[in-house]
C-alpha cells in the first residue's frame, strides 16, 4: 500500500482543486478525461496522495480558470470562473470536457479550434439555406 503524503500543501491543494471542480460542476472523471489521465490518478491529486507535475498543475489551473496560487491555497490574484453567474453545471458532459480542454490550449490552438467551429457553422448555414431554397422551388412548381 502506498504511503500517503500528508504535507499541508498536498492536503490544501487537494481540497482546493476538489472545491473548484465541484463549483464548475465537473466530475473527477471529466477532469481526468480533459487531462488525459486515469480517474484514479486525478483522485490521488485531490486526496493528497500524489502531486501533479508542473504541466498538469498548469492544465488544472487553466481548466478551473484560476491561478496557481489559488490551487495551492495561497491568496488568489483575481476572480475565477467559479465566481461567474454561468457555472459549468449548466453544461452537459461533452460541453464541460470541451470547455475544459479549450482552456488548456495555447492561443494558436484556440484560434485553430475557433476557426474550425466557424467553418462547421458556416457549412451548416449553407446547407440550411440550400434546403430552404429547394423547398421554395418545390412549392412554386
N, C-alpha and C. Protein backbone atom coordinates (compact mmCIF):
# COMPACT_ATOMS: atom_id res chain seq x y z
N UNK A 1 0.84 -1.18 0.00
CA UNK A 1 0.00 0.00 0.00
C UNK A 1 0.89 1.24 0.00
N UNK A 2 0.62 2.19 -0.92
CA UNK A 2 1.49 3.37 -0.99
C UNK A 2 1.35 4.22 0.27
N UNK A 3 2.47 4.79 0.67
CA UNK A 3 2.44 5.66 1.83
C UNK A 3 1.86 7.01 1.44
N UNK A 4 0.93 7.50 2.20
CA UNK A 4 0.25 8.77 1.91
C UNK A 4 1.14 9.93 2.32
N UNK A 5 1.30 10.88 1.40
CA UNK A 5 1.98 12.12 1.72
C UNK A 5 0.98 12.98 2.49
N UNK A 6 1.42 13.63 3.50
CA UNK A 6 0.49 14.43 4.29
C UNK A 6 1.01 15.84 4.52
N UNK A 7 1.77 16.37 3.59
CA UNK A 7 2.19 17.75 3.76
C UNK A 7 0.98 18.65 3.63
N UNK A 8 1.03 19.81 4.25
CA UNK A 8 -0.12 20.71 4.21
C UNK A 8 -0.41 21.18 2.80
N UNK A 9 0.64 21.31 1.95
CA UNK A 9 0.41 21.73 0.56
C UNK A 9 -0.40 20.67 -0.17
N UNK A 10 -0.05 19.39 0.00
CA UNK A 10 -0.78 18.32 -0.66
C UNK A 10 -2.25 18.34 -0.27
N UNK A 11 -2.52 18.42 1.03
CA UNK A 11 -3.90 18.38 1.52
C UNK A 11 -4.64 19.63 1.08
N UNK A 12 -4.01 20.80 1.22
CA UNK A 12 -4.65 22.05 0.82
C UNK A 12 -4.91 22.07 -0.68
N UNK A 13 -3.93 21.67 -1.45
CA UNK A 13 -4.09 21.61 -2.90
C UNK A 13 -5.24 20.71 -3.27
N UNK A 14 -5.29 19.53 -2.68
CA UNK A 14 -6.36 18.58 -2.97
C UNK A 14 -7.74 19.13 -2.65
N UNK A 15 -7.85 19.76 -1.47
CA UNK A 15 -9.14 20.35 -1.09
C UNK A 15 -9.53 21.46 -2.08
N UNK A 16 -8.55 22.27 -2.46
CA UNK A 16 -8.85 23.38 -3.37
C UNK A 16 -9.29 22.90 -4.74
N UNK A 17 -8.56 21.95 -5.32
CA UNK A 17 -8.97 21.53 -6.66
C UNK A 17 -10.29 20.78 -6.61
N UNK A 18 -10.56 20.09 -5.51
CA UNK A 18 -11.85 19.44 -5.36
C UNK A 18 -12.96 20.49 -5.30
N UNK A 19 -12.72 21.56 -4.54
CA UNK A 19 -13.71 22.64 -4.42
C UNK A 19 -13.96 23.30 -5.78
N UNK A 20 -12.88 23.63 -6.49
CA UNK A 20 -13.05 24.28 -7.80
C UNK A 20 -13.73 23.34 -8.80
N UNK A 21 -13.39 22.07 -8.74
CA UNK A 21 -14.01 21.09 -9.65
C UNK A 21 -15.53 21.04 -9.41
N UNK A 22 -15.91 20.97 -8.14
CA UNK A 22 -17.35 20.91 -7.81
C UNK A 22 -18.05 22.21 -8.18
N UNK A 23 -17.40 23.36 -7.96
CA UNK A 23 -18.00 24.64 -8.32
C UNK A 23 -18.22 24.73 -9.83
N UNK A 24 -17.35 24.10 -10.59
CA UNK A 24 -17.51 24.10 -12.05
C UNK A 24 -18.48 23.04 -12.52
N UNK A 25 -18.97 22.20 -11.61
CA UNK A 25 -19.94 21.18 -11.98
C UNK A 25 -19.32 20.02 -12.74
N UNK A 26 -18.03 19.79 -12.54
CA UNK A 26 -17.35 18.71 -13.24
C UNK A 26 -17.15 17.52 -12.30
N UNK A 27 -17.14 16.34 -12.88
CA UNK A 27 -16.83 15.14 -12.11
C UNK A 27 -15.32 14.90 -12.16
N UNK A 28 -14.85 14.04 -11.28
CA UNK A 28 -13.44 13.67 -11.34
C UNK A 28 -13.13 13.03 -12.69
N UNK A 29 -14.05 12.24 -13.21
CA UNK A 29 -13.83 11.59 -14.50
C UNK A 29 -13.69 12.62 -15.61
N UNK A 30 -14.52 13.65 -15.60
CA UNK A 30 -14.42 14.68 -16.64
C UNK A 30 -13.07 15.38 -16.60
N UNK A 31 -12.62 15.74 -15.40
CA UNK A 31 -11.33 16.42 -15.28
C UNK A 31 -10.22 15.47 -15.73
N UNK A 32 -10.30 14.21 -15.32
CA UNK A 32 -9.30 13.22 -15.75
C UNK A 32 -9.30 13.09 -17.27
N UNK A 33 -10.48 13.07 -17.88
CA UNK A 33 -10.56 12.98 -19.34
C UNK A 33 -9.93 14.20 -20.01
N UNK A 34 -10.19 15.39 -19.47
CA UNK A 34 -9.61 16.61 -20.02
C UNK A 34 -8.09 16.55 -19.94
N UNK A 35 -7.58 16.04 -18.81
CA UNK A 35 -6.14 15.96 -18.59
C UNK A 35 -5.51 14.74 -19.24
N UNK A 36 -6.34 13.88 -19.82
CA UNK A 36 -5.89 12.63 -20.43
C UNK A 36 -5.18 11.74 -19.39
N UNK A 37 -5.83 11.60 -18.23
CA UNK A 37 -5.33 10.78 -17.13
C UNK A 37 -6.37 9.75 -16.74
N UNK A 38 -5.94 8.74 -15.98
CA UNK A 38 -6.89 7.84 -15.35
C UNK A 38 -7.57 8.60 -14.22
N UNK A 39 -8.83 8.27 -13.97
CA UNK A 39 -9.53 8.93 -12.87
C UNK A 39 -8.82 8.71 -11.55
N UNK A 40 -8.29 7.52 -11.34
CA UNK A 40 -7.62 7.23 -10.07
C UNK A 40 -6.39 8.11 -9.87
N UNK A 41 -5.71 8.45 -10.94
CA UNK A 41 -4.56 9.36 -10.83
C UNK A 41 -5.02 10.74 -10.39
N UNK A 42 -6.10 11.23 -11.02
CA UNK A 42 -6.61 12.54 -10.63
C UNK A 42 -7.12 12.51 -9.19
N UNK A 43 -7.78 11.43 -8.79
CA UNK A 43 -8.29 11.29 -7.42
C UNK A 43 -7.15 11.40 -6.41
N UNK A 44 -6.00 10.86 -6.76
CA UNK A 44 -4.84 10.94 -5.86
C UNK A 44 -4.39 12.38 -5.67
N UNK A 45 -4.57 13.23 -6.66
CA UNK A 45 -4.25 14.66 -6.50
C UNK A 45 -5.21 15.29 -5.50
N UNK A 46 -6.49 14.97 -5.63
CA UNK A 46 -7.49 15.57 -4.73
C UNK A 46 -7.35 15.07 -3.30
N UNK A 47 -6.87 13.86 -3.11
CA UNK A 47 -6.72 13.31 -1.76
C UNK A 47 -5.34 13.58 -1.17
N UNK A 48 -4.44 14.16 -1.95
CA UNK A 48 -3.11 14.48 -1.45
C UNK A 48 -2.15 13.31 -1.44
N UNK A 49 -2.52 12.21 -2.06
CA UNK A 49 -1.64 11.04 -2.10
C UNK A 49 -0.47 11.27 -3.05
N UNK A 50 -0.71 11.98 -4.13
CA UNK A 50 0.39 12.31 -5.04
C UNK A 50 0.22 13.73 -5.56
N UNK A 51 1.29 14.24 -6.13
CA UNK A 51 1.30 15.61 -6.63
C UNK A 51 1.39 15.58 -8.16
N UNK A 52 0.70 16.52 -8.80
CA UNK A 52 0.80 16.58 -10.26
C UNK A 52 2.11 17.23 -10.69
N UNK A 53 2.51 16.95 -11.91
CA UNK A 53 3.66 17.64 -12.48
C UNK A 53 3.31 19.11 -12.68
N UNK A 54 4.30 19.91 -12.96
CA UNK A 54 4.06 21.33 -13.22
C UNK A 54 3.13 21.49 -14.42
N UNK A 55 3.32 20.67 -15.47
CA UNK A 55 2.46 20.76 -16.65
C UNK A 55 1.01 20.44 -16.32
N UNK A 56 0.79 19.41 -15.51
CA UNK A 56 -0.57 19.05 -15.10
C UNK A 56 -1.15 20.17 -14.22
N UNK A 57 -0.33 20.73 -13.32
CA UNK A 57 -0.79 21.84 -12.49
C UNK A 57 -1.23 23.01 -13.35
N UNK A 58 -0.46 23.32 -14.40
CA UNK A 58 -0.84 24.40 -15.33
C UNK A 58 -2.19 24.09 -15.97
N UNK A 59 -2.37 22.86 -16.39
CA UNK A 59 -3.63 22.46 -17.03
C UNK A 59 -4.80 22.55 -16.06
N UNK A 60 -4.59 22.10 -14.83
CA UNK A 60 -5.66 22.17 -13.83
C UNK A 60 -6.06 23.62 -13.59
N UNK A 61 -5.06 24.49 -13.44
CA UNK A 61 -5.36 25.92 -13.23
C UNK A 61 -6.12 26.48 -14.43
N UNK A 62 -5.77 26.06 -15.64
CA UNK A 62 -6.47 26.54 -16.84
C UNK A 62 -7.90 26.05 -16.87
N UNK A 63 -8.12 24.79 -16.55
CA UNK A 63 -9.47 24.21 -16.58
C UNK A 63 -10.40 24.98 -15.66
N UNK A 64 -9.93 25.28 -14.45
CA UNK A 64 -10.77 25.94 -13.46
C UNK A 64 -10.69 27.46 -13.53
N UNK A 65 -9.89 27.96 -14.47
CA UNK A 65 -9.72 29.40 -14.66
C UNK A 65 -9.26 30.08 -13.37
N UNK A 66 -8.25 29.48 -12.75
CA UNK A 66 -7.67 30.02 -11.52
C UNK A 66 -6.17 30.16 -11.74
N UNK A 67 -5.50 30.88 -10.83
CA UNK A 67 -4.04 30.92 -10.92
C UNK A 67 -3.45 29.85 -10.01
N UNK A 68 -2.17 29.64 -10.12
CA UNK A 68 -1.51 28.60 -9.33
C UNK A 68 -1.67 28.84 -7.84
N UNK A 69 -1.62 30.11 -7.43
CA UNK A 69 -1.75 30.43 -6.01
C UNK A 69 -3.07 29.94 -5.45
N UNK A 70 -4.14 30.10 -6.20
CA UNK A 70 -5.45 29.65 -5.73
C UNK A 70 -5.46 28.13 -5.58
N UNK A 71 -4.88 27.44 -6.54
CA UNK A 71 -4.84 25.98 -6.47
C UNK A 71 -4.01 25.50 -5.28
N UNK A 72 -2.92 26.21 -5.01
CA UNK A 72 -2.02 25.79 -3.93
C UNK A 72 -2.46 26.28 -2.55
N UNK A 73 -3.52 27.10 -2.52
CA UNK A 73 -4.05 27.54 -1.23
C UNK A 73 -3.54 28.88 -0.77
N UNK A 74 -2.85 29.59 -1.65
CA UNK A 74 -2.40 30.93 -1.32
C UNK A 74 -3.40 31.92 -1.85
N UNK A 75 -3.28 33.16 -1.47
CA UNK A 75 -4.23 34.18 -1.90
C UNK A 75 -4.26 34.27 -3.42
N UNK A 76 -5.45 34.20 -3.98
CA UNK A 76 -5.62 34.28 -5.44
C UNK A 76 -5.46 35.72 -5.89
N UNK A 77 -4.95 35.89 -7.12
CA UNK A 77 -4.71 37.24 -7.63
C UNK A 77 -5.86 37.78 -8.46
N UNK A 78 -6.93 37.02 -8.62
CA UNK A 78 -8.04 37.52 -9.42
C UNK A 78 -9.26 36.63 -9.30
N UNK A 79 -10.32 37.02 -9.98
CA UNK A 79 -11.56 36.25 -9.95
C UNK A 79 -11.40 34.99 -10.78
N UNK A 80 -12.18 34.01 -10.46
CA UNK A 80 -12.14 32.76 -11.22
C UNK A 80 -13.49 32.54 -11.88
N UNK A 81 -13.52 31.56 -12.76
CA UNK A 81 -14.75 31.20 -13.46
C UNK A 81 -15.85 30.87 -12.46
N UNK A 82 -15.45 30.28 -11.32
CA UNK A 82 -16.45 29.86 -10.34
C UNK A 82 -17.20 31.05 -9.74
N UNK A 83 -16.65 32.28 -9.88
CA UNK A 83 -17.34 33.47 -9.40
C UNK A 83 -18.41 33.94 -10.38
N UNK A 84 -18.46 33.33 -11.54
CA UNK A 84 -19.38 33.74 -12.60
C UNK A 84 -20.81 33.29 -12.30
N UNK A 85 -21.76 33.93 -12.97
CA UNK A 85 -23.16 33.51 -12.85
C UNK A 85 -23.47 32.31 -13.74
N UNK A 86 -22.56 31.90 -14.59
CA UNK A 86 -22.78 30.81 -15.54
C UNK A 86 -21.81 29.65 -15.26
N UNK A 87 -22.06 28.83 -14.24
CA UNK A 87 -21.14 27.74 -13.93
C UNK A 87 -21.21 26.61 -14.94
N UNK A 88 -20.17 25.78 -14.91
CA UNK A 88 -20.12 24.61 -15.77
C UNK A 88 -21.34 23.71 -15.57
N UNK A 89 -21.95 23.75 -14.41
CA UNK A 89 -23.06 22.85 -14.10
C UNK A 89 -24.19 22.95 -15.12
N UNK A 90 -24.28 24.05 -15.84
CA UNK A 90 -25.33 24.20 -16.84
C UNK A 90 -24.93 23.56 -18.17
N UNK A 91 -23.72 23.04 -18.26
CA UNK A 91 -23.25 22.39 -19.48
C UNK A 91 -23.44 20.89 -19.36
N UNK A 92 -23.62 20.22 -20.51
CA UNK A 92 -23.68 18.77 -20.46
C UNK A 92 -22.25 18.22 -20.39
N UNK A 93 -22.11 16.92 -20.27
CA UNK A 93 -20.81 16.28 -20.08
C UNK A 93 -19.82 16.67 -21.16
N UNK A 94 -20.20 16.52 -22.43
CA UNK A 94 -19.28 16.83 -23.53
C UNK A 94 -18.93 18.31 -23.59
N UNK A 95 -19.90 19.18 -23.29
CA UNK A 95 -19.62 20.62 -23.28
C UNK A 95 -18.60 20.96 -22.20
N UNK A 96 -18.73 20.35 -21.03
CA UNK A 96 -17.78 20.58 -19.94
C UNK A 96 -16.38 20.14 -20.33
N UNK A 97 -16.29 18.98 -20.97
CA UNK A 97 -14.98 18.47 -21.43
C UNK A 97 -14.40 19.43 -22.46
N UNK A 98 -15.22 19.86 -23.42
CA UNK A 98 -14.74 20.74 -24.48
C UNK A 98 -14.22 22.06 -23.92
N UNK A 99 -14.97 22.68 -23.01
CA UNK A 99 -14.55 23.94 -22.42
C UNK A 99 -13.27 23.74 -21.61
N UNK A 100 -13.24 22.68 -20.82
CA UNK A 100 -12.04 22.40 -20.03
C UNK A 100 -10.82 22.19 -20.89
N UNK A 101 -10.96 21.43 -21.96
CA UNK A 101 -9.83 21.20 -22.86
C UNK A 101 -9.41 22.50 -23.54
N UNK A 102 -10.39 23.28 -23.98
CA UNK A 102 -10.10 24.54 -24.67
C UNK A 102 -9.24 25.44 -23.80
N UNK A 103 -9.53 25.46 -22.51
CA UNK A 103 -8.78 26.33 -21.59
C UNK A 103 -7.33 25.91 -21.45
N UNK A 104 -7.00 24.68 -21.78
CA UNK A 104 -5.62 24.22 -21.66
C UNK A 104 -4.81 24.52 -22.92
N UNK A 105 -5.44 24.97 -23.99
CA UNK A 105 -4.75 25.24 -25.25
C UNK A 105 -4.04 26.59 -25.22
N UNK A 106 -2.97 26.68 -26.02
CA UNK A 106 -2.33 27.98 -26.17
C UNK A 106 -3.13 28.82 -27.17
N UNK A 107 -2.75 30.07 -27.36
CA UNK A 107 -3.53 30.99 -28.20
C UNK A 107 -3.68 30.50 -29.64
N UNK A 108 -2.62 29.94 -30.19
CA UNK A 108 -2.68 29.44 -31.57
C UNK A 108 -3.64 28.26 -31.69
N UNK A 109 -3.59 27.36 -30.73
CA UNK A 109 -4.50 26.21 -30.74
C UNK A 109 -5.95 26.67 -30.57
N UNK A 110 -6.18 27.65 -29.69
CA UNK A 110 -7.53 28.18 -29.50
C UNK A 110 -8.05 28.78 -30.79
N UNK A 111 -7.20 29.53 -31.50
CA UNK A 111 -7.61 30.14 -32.76
C UNK A 111 -7.98 29.07 -33.77
N UNK A 112 -7.20 28.00 -33.84
CA UNK A 112 -7.50 26.89 -34.76
C UNK A 112 -8.85 26.26 -34.45
N UNK A 113 -9.13 26.06 -33.17
CA UNK A 113 -10.41 25.46 -32.78
C UNK A 113 -11.56 26.39 -33.14
N UNK A 114 -11.42 27.67 -32.85
CA UNK A 114 -12.48 28.62 -33.17
C UNK A 114 -12.70 28.69 -34.68
N UNK A 115 -11.62 28.71 -35.45
CA UNK A 115 -11.75 28.73 -36.91
C UNK A 115 -12.47 27.48 -37.41
N UNK A 116 -12.13 26.32 -36.84
CA UNK A 116 -12.75 25.06 -37.24
C UNK A 116 -14.25 25.08 -36.93
N UNK A 117 -14.59 25.55 -35.75
CA UNK A 117 -16.01 25.61 -35.36
C UNK A 117 -16.77 26.58 -36.26
N UNK A 118 -16.16 27.70 -36.61
CA UNK A 118 -16.80 28.65 -37.52
C UNK A 118 -17.03 28.02 -38.89
N UNK A 119 -16.09 27.22 -39.36
CA UNK A 119 -16.24 26.54 -40.64
C UNK A 119 -17.43 25.59 -40.60
N UNK A 120 -17.54 24.82 -39.52
CA UNK A 120 -18.67 23.90 -39.37
C UNK A 120 -19.98 24.69 -39.34
N UNK A 121 -20.03 25.79 -38.60
CA UNK A 121 -21.24 26.62 -38.54
C UNK A 121 -21.61 27.15 -39.92
N UNK A 122 -20.61 27.65 -40.65
CA UNK A 122 -20.88 28.21 -41.98
C UNK A 122 -21.39 27.14 -42.94
N UNK A 123 -20.82 25.93 -42.86
CA UNK A 123 -21.28 24.83 -43.72
C UNK A 123 -22.72 24.45 -43.37
N UNK A 124 -23.03 24.43 -42.09
CA UNK A 124 -24.39 24.11 -41.67
C UNK A 124 -25.38 25.16 -42.16
N UNK A 125 -25.00 26.43 -42.05
CA UNK A 125 -25.87 27.50 -42.54
C UNK A 125 -26.08 27.39 -44.04
N UNK A 126 -25.02 27.06 -44.77
CA UNK A 126 -25.13 26.91 -46.23
C UNK A 126 -26.08 25.76 -46.57
N UNK A 127 -25.98 24.64 -45.85
CA UNK A 127 -26.89 23.51 -46.08
C UNK A 127 -28.32 23.90 -45.77
N UNK A 128 -28.52 24.65 -44.70
CA UNK A 128 -29.85 25.08 -44.31
C UNK A 128 -30.46 26.00 -45.36
N UNK A 129 -29.67 26.93 -45.86
CA UNK A 129 -30.15 27.84 -46.91
C UNK A 129 -30.48 27.06 -48.17
N UNK A 130 -29.63 26.09 -48.50
CA UNK A 130 -29.89 25.27 -49.69
C UNK A 130 -31.17 24.47 -49.52
N UNK A 131 -31.42 23.97 -48.31
CA UNK A 131 -32.64 23.21 -48.05
C UNK A 131 -33.89 24.07 -48.17
N UNK A 132 -33.83 25.31 -47.71
CA UNK A 132 -34.95 26.23 -47.82
C UNK A 132 -35.21 26.55 -49.29
N UNK A 133 -34.15 26.77 -50.05
CA UNK A 133 -34.28 27.07 -51.47
C UNK A 133 -34.95 25.91 -52.21
N UNK A 134 -34.57 24.67 -51.89
CA UNK A 134 -35.18 23.50 -52.53
C UNK A 134 -36.67 23.42 -52.19
N UNK A 135 -37.03 23.72 -50.92
CA UNK A 135 -38.44 23.67 -50.54
C UNK A 135 -39.24 24.73 -51.28
N UNK A 136 -38.66 25.92 -51.44
CA UNK A 136 -39.34 27.00 -52.14
C UNK A 136 -39.57 26.62 -53.59
N UNK A 137 -38.59 26.00 -54.24
CA UNK A 137 -38.73 25.60 -55.64
C UNK A 137 -39.85 24.57 -55.79
N UNK A 138 -39.94 23.60 -54.87
CA UNK A 138 -40.96 22.59 -54.92
C UNK A 138 -42.35 23.22 -54.74
N UNK A 139 -42.43 24.19 -53.83
CA UNK A 139 -43.70 24.87 -53.59
C UNK A 139 -44.15 25.66 -54.81
N UNK A 140 -43.21 26.28 -55.53
CA UNK A 140 -43.52 27.09 -56.70
C UNK A 140 -43.95 26.23 -57.88
N UNK A 141 -43.53 24.96 -57.89
CA UNK A 141 -43.86 24.07 -59.03
C UNK A 141 -45.25 23.61 -58.95
